[in-house]
């Protein structure tokens, strides 16, 4: 009889993040699993330091490490870096470090 390992609960953000690959076409990201999908599959070519950090933090959250807010902040920072964050539609605390592009 083997021991069943439970996948950690990843969770969803209290306030979703909205990104726009094209102006006016917002896409809502609700949590780290969805954010990681966007980062790895749908992200624009502009990939810098904040993109790399967001990939690491969201992947670690999916694996059960880091907090929800850390993954959200990292994702927002990467979206700002790529110029795809919808400031008008993203709700909740953005945090000063996330809004700064550097």
N, C-alpha and C. Protein backbone atom coordinates (compact mmCIF):
# COMPACT_ATOMS: atom_id res chain seq x y z
N UNK A 1 0.85 -1.16 0.00
CA UNK A 1 0.00 0.00 0.00
C UNK A 1 0.90 1.23 0.00
N UNK A 2 0.80 2.08 -1.02
CA UNK A 2 1.63 3.28 -1.13
C UNK A 2 1.00 4.48 -0.45
N UNK A 3 1.83 5.45 -0.24
CA UNK A 3 1.36 6.70 0.34
C UNK A 3 0.99 7.65 -0.78
N UNK A 4 -0.22 8.15 -0.74
CA UNK A 4 -0.68 9.10 -1.76
C UNK A 4 -0.20 10.49 -1.40
N UNK A 5 0.48 11.12 -2.33
CA UNK A 5 0.92 12.50 -2.11
C UNK A 5 -0.12 13.44 -2.69
N UNK A 6 -0.54 14.38 -1.86
CA UNK A 6 -1.52 15.35 -2.32
C UNK A 6 -0.81 16.52 -2.97
N UNK A 7 -1.34 16.97 -4.07
CA UNK A 7 -0.84 18.18 -4.71
C UNK A 7 -1.25 19.36 -3.82
N UNK A 8 -0.31 20.29 -3.57
CA UNK A 8 -0.68 21.43 -2.74
C UNK A 8 -1.78 22.27 -3.39
N UNK A 9 -2.60 22.87 -2.55
CA UNK A 9 -3.62 23.76 -3.06
C UNK A 9 -2.96 25.05 -3.50
N UNK A 10 -3.11 25.39 -4.76
CA UNK A 10 -2.44 26.56 -5.32
C UNK A 10 -3.21 27.82 -4.98
N UNK A 11 -4.52 27.79 -5.08
CA UNK A 11 -5.35 28.93 -4.74
C UNK A 11 -5.54 29.91 -5.87
N UNK A 12 -6.39 30.87 -5.61
CA UNK A 12 -6.64 31.96 -6.55
C UNK A 12 -6.43 33.28 -5.83
N UNK A 13 -6.15 34.29 -6.59
CA UNK A 13 -5.94 35.62 -6.02
C UNK A 13 -7.28 36.25 -5.66
N UNK A 14 -7.30 36.99 -4.57
CA UNK A 14 -8.51 37.71 -4.16
C UNK A 14 -8.90 38.73 -5.22
N UNK A 15 -7.91 39.33 -5.85
CA UNK A 15 -8.14 40.30 -6.92
C UNK A 15 -7.41 39.82 -8.17
N UNK A 16 -8.14 39.53 -9.24
CA UNK A 16 -7.49 39.04 -10.46
C UNK A 16 -6.64 40.13 -11.11
N UNK A 17 -5.79 39.70 -12.01
CA UNK A 17 -4.93 40.60 -12.79
C UNK A 17 -5.41 40.53 -14.23
N UNK A 18 -5.56 41.69 -14.85
CA UNK A 18 -6.00 41.74 -16.25
C UNK A 18 -4.82 42.19 -17.10
N UNK A 19 -4.56 41.41 -18.15
CA UNK A 19 -3.50 41.76 -19.09
C UNK A 19 -4.12 41.94 -20.47
N UNK A 20 -3.44 42.72 -21.30
CA UNK A 20 -3.92 42.99 -22.66
C UNK A 20 -2.79 42.79 -23.65
N UNK A 21 -2.92 41.76 -24.47
CA UNK A 21 -1.95 41.55 -25.54
C UNK A 21 -2.22 42.52 -26.69
N UNK A 22 -3.48 42.90 -26.82
CA UNK A 22 -3.90 43.90 -27.79
C UNK A 22 -4.77 44.90 -27.04
N UNK A 23 -4.64 46.19 -27.32
CA UNK A 23 -5.43 47.20 -26.61
C UNK A 23 -6.93 46.89 -26.67
N UNK A 24 -7.57 46.95 -25.52
CA UNK A 24 -9.01 46.73 -25.46
C UNK A 24 -9.42 45.27 -25.37
N UNK A 25 -8.48 44.35 -25.43
CA UNK A 25 -8.78 42.92 -25.37
C UNK A 25 -8.19 42.33 -24.09
N UNK A 26 -8.80 42.65 -22.96
CA UNK A 26 -8.30 42.20 -21.68
C UNK A 26 -8.55 40.73 -21.43
N UNK A 27 -7.59 40.09 -20.80
CA UNK A 27 -7.71 38.69 -20.40
C UNK A 27 -7.44 38.63 -18.89
N UNK A 28 -8.35 38.00 -18.16
CA UNK A 28 -8.27 37.98 -16.71
C UNK A 28 -7.52 36.74 -16.23
N UNK A 29 -6.54 36.98 -15.36
CA UNK A 29 -5.74 35.91 -14.77
C UNK A 29 -6.12 35.84 -13.29
N UNK A 30 -6.57 34.66 -12.86
CA UNK A 30 -7.13 34.51 -11.52
C UNK A 30 -6.19 33.94 -10.48
N UNK A 31 -5.08 33.34 -10.90
CA UNK A 31 -4.18 32.74 -9.91
C UNK A 31 -2.88 32.26 -10.53
N UNK A 32 -2.02 31.69 -9.70
CA UNK A 32 -0.69 31.28 -10.14
C UNK A 32 -0.65 30.24 -11.26
N UNK A 33 -1.53 29.25 -11.22
CA UNK A 33 -1.50 28.24 -12.29
C UNK A 33 -1.80 28.87 -13.64
N UNK A 34 -2.81 29.71 -13.68
CA UNK A 34 -3.17 30.40 -14.92
C UNK A 34 -2.04 31.37 -15.32
N UNK A 35 -1.47 32.06 -14.34
CA UNK A 35 -0.37 32.99 -14.62
C UNK A 35 0.82 32.25 -15.22
N UNK A 36 1.15 31.10 -14.67
CA UNK A 36 2.28 30.33 -15.20
C UNK A 36 2.02 29.90 -16.64
N UNK A 37 0.79 29.52 -16.94
CA UNK A 37 0.43 29.19 -18.33
C UNK A 37 0.69 30.38 -19.25
N UNK A 38 0.22 31.55 -18.84
CA UNK A 38 0.44 32.75 -19.66
C UNK A 38 1.93 33.03 -19.82
N UNK A 39 2.69 32.92 -18.74
CA UNK A 39 4.12 33.19 -18.79
C UNK A 39 4.85 32.24 -19.73
N UNK A 40 4.51 30.98 -19.69
CA UNK A 40 5.24 29.98 -20.47
C UNK A 40 4.73 29.81 -21.90
N UNK A 41 3.45 30.05 -22.12
CA UNK A 41 2.85 29.76 -23.43
C UNK A 41 2.45 31.00 -24.21
N UNK A 42 1.93 32.00 -23.55
CA UNK A 42 1.30 33.12 -24.26
C UNK A 42 2.06 34.44 -24.17
N UNK A 43 3.14 34.49 -23.42
CA UNK A 43 3.82 35.76 -23.15
C UNK A 43 4.44 36.35 -24.40
N UNK A 44 4.43 37.68 -24.50
CA UNK A 44 5.06 38.32 -25.66
C UNK A 44 6.57 38.12 -25.67
N UNK A 45 7.18 38.51 -26.75
CA UNK A 45 8.61 38.31 -26.94
C UNK A 45 9.44 39.07 -25.90
N UNK A 46 8.94 40.23 -25.43
CA UNK A 46 9.67 41.02 -24.45
C UNK A 46 9.78 40.23 -23.15
N UNK A 47 10.95 39.70 -22.89
CA UNK A 47 11.15 38.90 -21.68
C UNK A 47 12.42 39.35 -20.99
N UNK A 48 12.24 39.97 -19.86
CA UNK A 48 13.38 40.49 -19.13
C UNK A 48 13.52 39.85 -17.76
N UNK A 49 14.19 40.57 -16.89
CA UNK A 49 14.49 40.09 -15.54
C UNK A 49 13.21 39.81 -14.74
N UNK A 50 12.22 40.67 -14.87
CA UNK A 50 10.97 40.46 -14.11
C UNK A 50 10.17 39.27 -14.65
N UNK A 51 10.27 39.01 -15.93
CA UNK A 51 9.65 37.82 -16.51
C UNK A 51 10.27 36.56 -15.89
N UNK A 52 11.60 36.52 -15.85
CA UNK A 52 12.29 35.36 -15.28
C UNK A 52 11.91 35.16 -13.82
N UNK A 53 11.84 36.25 -13.07
CA UNK A 53 11.46 36.19 -11.66
C UNK A 53 10.02 35.67 -11.51
N UNK A 54 9.12 36.16 -12.35
CA UNK A 54 7.72 35.72 -12.28
C UNK A 54 7.59 34.24 -12.60
N UNK A 55 8.34 33.76 -13.58
CA UNK A 55 8.30 32.32 -13.90
C UNK A 55 8.73 31.50 -12.69
N UNK A 56 9.80 31.92 -12.05
CA UNK A 56 10.31 31.18 -10.90
C UNK A 56 9.33 31.22 -9.73
N UNK A 57 8.83 32.40 -9.39
CA UNK A 57 7.95 32.53 -8.23
C UNK A 57 6.61 31.83 -8.45
N UNK A 58 6.02 31.97 -9.63
CA UNK A 58 4.72 31.31 -9.86
C UNK A 58 4.89 29.79 -9.93
N UNK A 59 5.97 29.32 -10.52
CA UNK A 59 6.22 27.87 -10.56
C UNK A 59 6.41 27.33 -9.15
N UNK A 60 7.12 28.07 -8.33
CA UNK A 60 7.32 27.63 -6.95
C UNK A 60 6.01 27.65 -6.17
N UNK A 61 5.13 28.61 -6.46
CA UNK A 61 3.82 28.64 -5.81
C UNK A 61 2.99 27.42 -6.23
N UNK A 62 3.04 27.08 -7.49
CA UNK A 62 2.30 25.91 -7.98
C UNK A 62 2.81 24.64 -7.29
N UNK A 63 4.10 24.62 -6.96
CA UNK A 63 4.68 23.47 -6.27
C UNK A 63 4.47 23.52 -4.76
N UNK A 64 3.85 24.59 -4.27
CA UNK A 64 3.53 24.67 -2.86
C UNK A 64 4.44 25.60 -2.07
N UNK A 65 5.30 26.33 -2.74
CA UNK A 65 6.19 27.28 -2.07
C UNK A 65 5.74 28.69 -2.40
N UNK A 66 6.20 29.65 -1.67
CA UNK A 66 5.85 31.06 -1.84
C UNK A 66 4.36 31.28 -1.59
N UNK A 67 4.02 32.52 -1.28
CA UNK A 67 2.64 32.87 -1.01
C UNK A 67 1.92 33.33 -2.26
N UNK A 68 0.60 33.37 -2.16
CA UNK A 68 -0.21 33.85 -3.28
C UNK A 68 0.15 35.28 -3.66
N UNK A 69 0.33 36.13 -2.65
CA UNK A 69 0.62 37.53 -2.95
C UNK A 69 1.96 37.70 -3.62
N UNK A 70 2.95 36.88 -3.26
CA UNK A 70 4.26 36.95 -3.92
C UNK A 70 4.14 36.60 -5.40
N UNK A 71 3.37 35.57 -5.71
CA UNK A 71 3.19 35.17 -7.11
C UNK A 71 2.45 36.25 -7.88
N UNK A 72 1.45 36.86 -7.26
CA UNK A 72 0.69 37.92 -7.93
C UNK A 72 1.57 39.14 -8.20
N UNK A 73 2.34 39.55 -7.19
CA UNK A 73 3.22 40.71 -7.35
C UNK A 73 4.26 40.46 -8.45
N UNK A 74 4.82 39.27 -8.49
CA UNK A 74 5.82 38.94 -9.52
C UNK A 74 5.18 38.94 -10.91
N UNK A 75 3.96 38.42 -11.01
CA UNK A 75 3.26 38.39 -12.30
C UNK A 75 2.95 39.81 -12.76
N UNK A 76 2.50 40.66 -11.85
CA UNK A 76 2.20 42.04 -12.20
C UNK A 76 3.47 42.75 -12.67
N UNK A 77 4.57 42.55 -11.96
CA UNK A 77 5.84 43.18 -12.35
C UNK A 77 6.26 42.76 -13.76
N UNK A 78 6.08 41.50 -14.08
CA UNK A 78 6.42 41.01 -15.42
C UNK A 78 5.50 41.62 -16.47
N UNK A 79 4.21 41.77 -16.12
CA UNK A 79 3.25 42.37 -17.05
C UNK A 79 3.58 43.84 -17.30
N UNK A 80 4.01 44.54 -16.26
CA UNK A 80 4.43 45.94 -16.41
C UNK A 80 5.65 45.99 -17.32
N UNK A 81 6.61 45.12 -17.07
CA UNK A 81 7.83 45.07 -17.87
C UNK A 81 7.51 44.83 -19.35
N UNK A 82 6.53 43.97 -19.63
CA UNK A 82 6.15 43.64 -21.01
C UNK A 82 5.13 44.62 -21.58
N UNK A 83 4.71 45.59 -20.75
CA UNK A 83 3.74 46.61 -21.17
C UNK A 83 2.40 46.01 -21.57
N UNK A 84 1.94 45.02 -20.79
CA UNK A 84 0.65 44.39 -21.09
C UNK A 84 -0.32 44.43 -19.92
N UNK A 85 0.06 45.08 -18.82
CA UNK A 85 -0.85 45.16 -17.68
C UNK A 85 -1.95 46.16 -17.96
N UNK A 86 -3.19 45.74 -17.75
CA UNK A 86 -4.33 46.64 -17.91
C UNK A 86 -4.55 47.35 -16.58
N UNK A 87 -4.04 48.55 -16.47
CA UNK A 87 -4.15 49.31 -15.21
C UNK A 87 -5.60 49.65 -14.89
N UNK A 88 -6.43 49.81 -15.89
CA UNK A 88 -7.82 50.20 -15.67
C UNK A 88 -8.65 49.04 -15.13
N UNK A 89 -8.25 47.81 -15.42
CA UNK A 89 -9.08 46.68 -15.03
C UNK A 89 -8.49 45.84 -13.91
N UNK A 90 -7.20 45.96 -13.64
CA UNK A 90 -6.60 45.17 -12.58
C UNK A 90 -6.99 45.80 -11.25
N UNK A 91 -7.54 44.98 -10.36
CA UNK A 91 -8.03 45.48 -9.08
C UNK A 91 -7.13 45.01 -7.96
N UNK A 92 -7.32 45.59 -6.81
CA UNK A 92 -6.56 45.19 -5.65
C UNK A 92 -5.26 45.95 -5.56
N UNK A 93 -4.51 45.63 -4.55
CA UNK A 93 -3.23 46.30 -4.30
C UNK A 93 -2.21 45.88 -5.34
N UNK A 94 -1.62 46.86 -6.00
CA UNK A 94 -0.59 46.57 -6.97
C UNK A 94 0.79 46.59 -6.32
N UNK A 95 0.95 47.35 -5.29
CA UNK A 95 2.25 47.44 -4.64
C UNK A 95 3.19 48.32 -5.41
N UNK A 96 3.91 49.16 -4.73
CA UNK A 96 4.81 50.12 -5.37
C UNK A 96 5.88 49.42 -6.19
N UNK A 97 6.40 48.28 -5.73
CA UNK A 97 7.46 47.61 -6.46
C UNK A 97 6.97 47.02 -7.77
N UNK A 98 5.69 46.71 -7.86
CA UNK A 98 5.15 46.11 -9.09
C UNK A 98 4.93 47.13 -10.19
N UNK A 99 4.59 48.34 -9.81
CA UNK A 99 4.26 49.34 -10.82
C UNK A 99 5.50 49.92 -11.45
N UNK A 100 6.57 49.99 -10.72
CA UNK A 100 7.81 50.51 -11.27
C UNK A 100 8.34 49.56 -12.34
N UNK A 101 8.76 50.10 -13.46
CA UNK A 101 9.24 49.25 -14.54
C UNK A 101 10.68 48.83 -14.35
N UNK A 102 11.37 49.39 -13.37
CA UNK A 102 12.76 48.98 -13.13
C UNK A 102 12.97 48.81 -11.66
